[in-house]
Amino acid sequence: MMLRIDRAHVPQGLIRSAKTYTLVLSDDGLYFLHVGPALGMAVRPKNGFEQGAVNFALNRVARKVKEGEERLAAASIEEWAMGMRSAFYVAEAVDQFRRQEDCGRKTEG
């Protein structure tokens, strides 16, 4: 079994920029694979000049994410997970997280 979510965004924090990930859930575990930057804030341009600047930034981010996804397609997921800003969680840890999350839910009856 393998589930994949492309272009998952992590919003910016106080000291870190927004990032784009590909998430892969396999029988081995859960992979968080960093593929590029993301835009951190919603922007509402007020005029044509600002719209041009926003479009430039959007196109640059989209180009970097596309390049990252192309490099990911050529590499193995295991190797990519060892890279900077990527992570891998073994299946047992993912299952334990799932069980802890279910503990807080109310059951019917």
C-alpha atoms as a PDB file:
ATOM      1  CA  MET A   1       0.000   0.000   0.000  1.00  0.00           C
ATOM      2  CA  MET A   2       1.301   3.451  -0.873  1.00  0.00           C
ATOM      3  CA  LEU A   3      -0.536   6.746  -0.481  1.00  0.00           C
ATOM      4  CA  ARG A   4       0.970   9.990  -1.737  1.00  0.00           C
ATOM      5  CA  ILE A   5       0.058  13.634  -1.187  1.00  0.00           C
ATOM      6  CA  ASP A   6       1.912  16.188  -3.312  1.00  0.00           C
ATOM      7  CA  ARG A   7       2.352  19.887  -2.544  1.00  0.00           C
ATOM      8  CA  ALA A   8       1.479  19.772   1.142  1.00  0.00           C
ATOM      9  CA  HIS A   9       2.323  23.187   2.611  1.00  0.00           C
ATOM     10  CA  VAL A  10       3.726  23.899   6.047  1.00  0.00           C
ATOM     11  CA  PRO A  11       3.075  27.538   6.953  1.00  0.00           C
ATOM     12  CA  GLN A  12       5.794  29.916   7.992  1.00  0.00           C
ATOM     13  CA  GLY A  13       6.720  30.273  11.620  1.00  0.00           C
ATOM     14  CA  LEU A  14       8.348  32.996  13.612  1.00  0.00           C
ATOM     15  CA  ILE A  15      11.834  32.055  12.425  1.00  0.00           C
ATOM     16  CA  ARG A  16      11.282  29.574   9.588  1.00  0.00           C
ATOM     17  CA  SER A  17       9.950  30.020   6.095  1.00  0.00           C
ATOM     18  CA  ALA A  18       7.001  28.179   4.575  1.00  0.00           C
ATOM     19  CA  LYS A  19       7.842  24.858   2.905  1.00  0.00           C
ATOM     20  CA  THR A  20       6.297  22.421   0.424  1.00  0.00           C
ATOM     21  CA  TYR A  21       6.412  18.669   1.073  1.00  0.00           C
ATOM     22  CA  THR A  22       5.399  15.450  -0.605  1.00  0.00           C
ATOM     23  CA  LEU A  23       3.953  13.021   1.944  1.00  0.00           C
ATOM     24  CA  VAL A  24       4.231   9.289   1.260  1.00  0.00           C
ATOM     25  CA  LEU A  25       2.619   6.659   3.464  1.00  0.00           C
ATOM     26  CA  SER A  26       3.956   3.171   2.751  1.00  0.00           C
ATOM     27  CA  ASP A  27       4.093  -0.125   4.599  1.00  0.00           C
ATOM     28  CA  ASP A  28       7.496   0.935   5.979  1.00  0.00           C
ATOM     29  CA  GLY A  29       6.264   4.218   7.459  1.00  0.00           C
ATOM     30  CA  LEU A  30       5.529   7.874   6.708  1.00  0.00           C
ATOM     31  CA  TYR A  31       7.892  10.016   4.620  1.00  0.00           C
ATOM     32  CA  PHE A  32       7.948  13.835   4.743  1.00  0.00           C
ATOM     33  CA  LEU A  33       9.927  14.797   1.628  1.00  0.00           C
ATOM     34  CA  HIS A  34      10.880  18.475   1.252  1.00  0.00           C
ATOM     35  CA  VAL A  35      10.538  19.563  -2.373  1.00  0.00           C
ATOM     36  CA  GLY A  36      10.800  23.349  -2.135  1.00  0.00           C
ATOM     37  CA  PRO A  37       9.568  26.606  -0.671  1.00  0.00           C
ATOM     38  CA  ALA A  38       5.987  27.804  -0.326  1.00  0.00           C
ATOM     39  CA  LEU A  39       4.438  31.227  -0.083  1.00  0.00           C
ATOM     40  CA  GLY A  40       3.828  31.956   3.548  1.00  0.00           C
ATOM     41  CA  MET A  41       1.144  34.616   3.504  1.00  0.00           C
ATOM     42  CA  ALA A  42      -1.885  35.459   1.439  1.00  0.00           C
ATOM     43  CA  VAL A  43      -1.188  38.640  -0.519  1.00  0.00           C
ATOM     44  CA  ARG A  44      -3.748  41.074  -1.893  1.00  0.00           C
ATOM     45  CA  PRO A  45      -2.100  43.356  -4.438  1.00  0.00           C
ATOM     46  CA  LYS A  46      -3.556  46.849  -4.757  1.00  0.00           C
ATOM     47  CA  ASN A  47      -2.333  47.730  -8.254  1.00  0.00           C
ATOM     48  CA  GLY A  48      -0.751  46.312 -11.382  1.00  0.00           C
ATOM     49  CA  PHE A  49       2.807  46.822 -10.171  1.00  0.00           C
ATOM     50  CA  GLU A  50       2.142  44.865  -6.970  1.00  0.00           C
ATOM     51  CA  GLN A  51       0.347  42.168  -8.984  1.00  0.00           C
ATOM     52  CA  GLY A  52       3.418  41.808 -11.177  1.00  0.00           C
ATOM     53  CA  ALA A  53       5.645  41.375  -8.123  1.00  0.00           C
ATOM     54  CA  VAL A  54       3.262  38.789  -6.644  1.00  0.00           C
ATOM     55  CA  ASN A  55       3.101  36.894  -9.954  1.00  0.00           C
ATOM     56  CA  PHE A  56       6.908  36.890 -10.134  1.00  0.00           C
ATOM     57  CA  ALA A  57       7.160  35.426  -6.608  1.00  0.00           C
ATOM     58  CA  LEU A  58       4.432  32.841  -7.297  1.00  0.00           C
ATOM     59  CA  ASN A  59       6.101  31.734 -10.531  1.00  0.00           C
ATOM     60  CA  ARG A  60       9.502  31.474  -8.844  1.00  0.00           C
ATOM     61  CA  VAL A  61       8.116  29.324  -6.004  1.00  0.00           C
ATOM     62  CA  ALA A  62       6.150  27.134  -8.450  1.00  0.00           C
ATOM     63  CA  ARG A  63       9.288  26.649 -10.582  1.00  0.00           C
ATOM     64  CA  LYS A  64      11.381  25.616  -7.547  1.00  0.00           C
ATOM     65  CA  VAL A  65       8.695  23.166  -6.364  1.00  0.00           C
ATOM     66  CA  LYS A  66       8.396  21.670  -9.853  1.00  0.00           C
ATOM     67  CA  GLU A  67      12.184  21.236 -10.027  1.00  0.00           C
ATOM     68  CA  GLY A  68      12.132  19.568  -6.602  1.00  0.00           C
ATOM     69  CA  GLU A  69       9.345  17.207  -7.657  1.00  0.00           C
ATOM     70  CA  GLU A  70      11.282  16.289 -10.817  1.00  0.00           C
ATOM     71  CA  ARG A  71      14.408  15.541  -8.753  1.00  0.00           C
ATOM     72  CA  LEU A  72      12.280  13.456  -6.365  1.00  0.00           C
ATOM     73  CA  ALA A  73      10.876  11.446  -9.296  1.00  0.00           C
ATOM     74  CA  ALA A  74      14.423  10.584 -10.363  1.00  0.00           C
ATOM     75  CA  ALA A  75      15.619   9.661  -6.851  1.00  0.00           C
ATOM     76  CA  SER A  76      14.571   6.956  -4.429  1.00  0.00           C
ATOM     77  CA  ILE A  77      12.253   7.948  -1.603  1.00  0.00           C
ATOM     78  CA  GLU A  78      14.581   6.414   0.995  1.00  0.00           C
ATOM     79  CA  GLU A  79      17.548   8.494  -0.172  1.00  0.00           C
ATOM     80  CA  TRP A  80      15.464  11.670  -0.354  1.00  0.00           C
ATOM     81  CA  ALA A  81      14.199  11.151   3.221  1.00  0.00           C
ATOM     82  CA  MET A  82      17.806  11.253   4.473  1.00  0.00           C
ATOM     83  CA  GLY A  83      18.249  14.740   3.004  1.00  0.00           C
ATOM     84  CA  MET A  84      17.951  18.070   4.725  1.00  0.00           C
ATOM     85  CA  ARG A  85      14.441  19.122   5.858  1.00  0.00           C
ATOM     86  CA  SER A  86      12.992  15.681   5.073  1.00  0.00           C
ATOM     87  CA  ALA A  87      11.999  13.018   7.588  1.00  0.00           C
ATOM     88  CA  PHE A  88      10.910   9.402   7.915  1.00  0.00           C
ATOM     89  CA  TYR A  89       8.788   7.902  10.692  1.00  0.00           C
ATOM     90  CA  VAL A  90       8.721   4.116  11.021  1.00  0.00           C
ATOM     91  CA  ALA A  91       5.361   2.349  10.768  1.00  0.00           C
ATOM     92  CA  GLU A  92       5.243   1.535  14.498  1.00  0.00           C
ATOM     93  CA  ALA A  93       5.566   5.219  15.407  1.00  0.00           C
ATOM     94  CA  VAL A  94       2.828   6.179  12.922  1.00  0.00           C
ATOM     95  CA  ASP A  95       0.555   3.460  14.311  1.00  0.00           C
ATOM     96  CA  GLN A  96       1.235   4.605  17.884  1.00  0.00           C
ATOM     97  CA  PHE A  97       0.378   8.198  16.898  1.00  0.00           C
ATOM     98  CA  ARG A  98      -2.851   6.983  15.317  1.00  0.00           C
ATOM     99  CA  ARG A  99      -3.812   5.113  18.496  1.00  0.00           C
ATOM    100  CA  GLN A 100      -3.028   8.108  20.721  1.00  0.00           C
ATOM    101  CA  GLU A 101      -5.166  10.326  18.513  1.00  0.00           C
ATOM    102  CA  ASP A 102      -8.099   7.895  18.783  1.00  0.00           C
ATOM    103  CA  CYS A 103      -7.872   7.880  22.604  1.00  0.00           C
ATOM    104  CA  GLY A 104      -9.272  11.392  22.811  1.00  0.00           C
ATOM    105  CA  ARG A 105     -12.412  10.633  20.823  1.00  0.00           C
ATOM    106  CA  LYS A 106     -15.701   9.932  22.498  1.00  0.00           C
ATOM    107  CA  THR A 107     -17.296   6.617  21.701  1.00  0.00           C
ATOM    108  CA  GLU A 108     -20.964   6.217  20.965  1.00  0.00           C
ATOM    109  CA  GLY A 109     -23.191   4.510  23.471  1.00  0.00           C
END
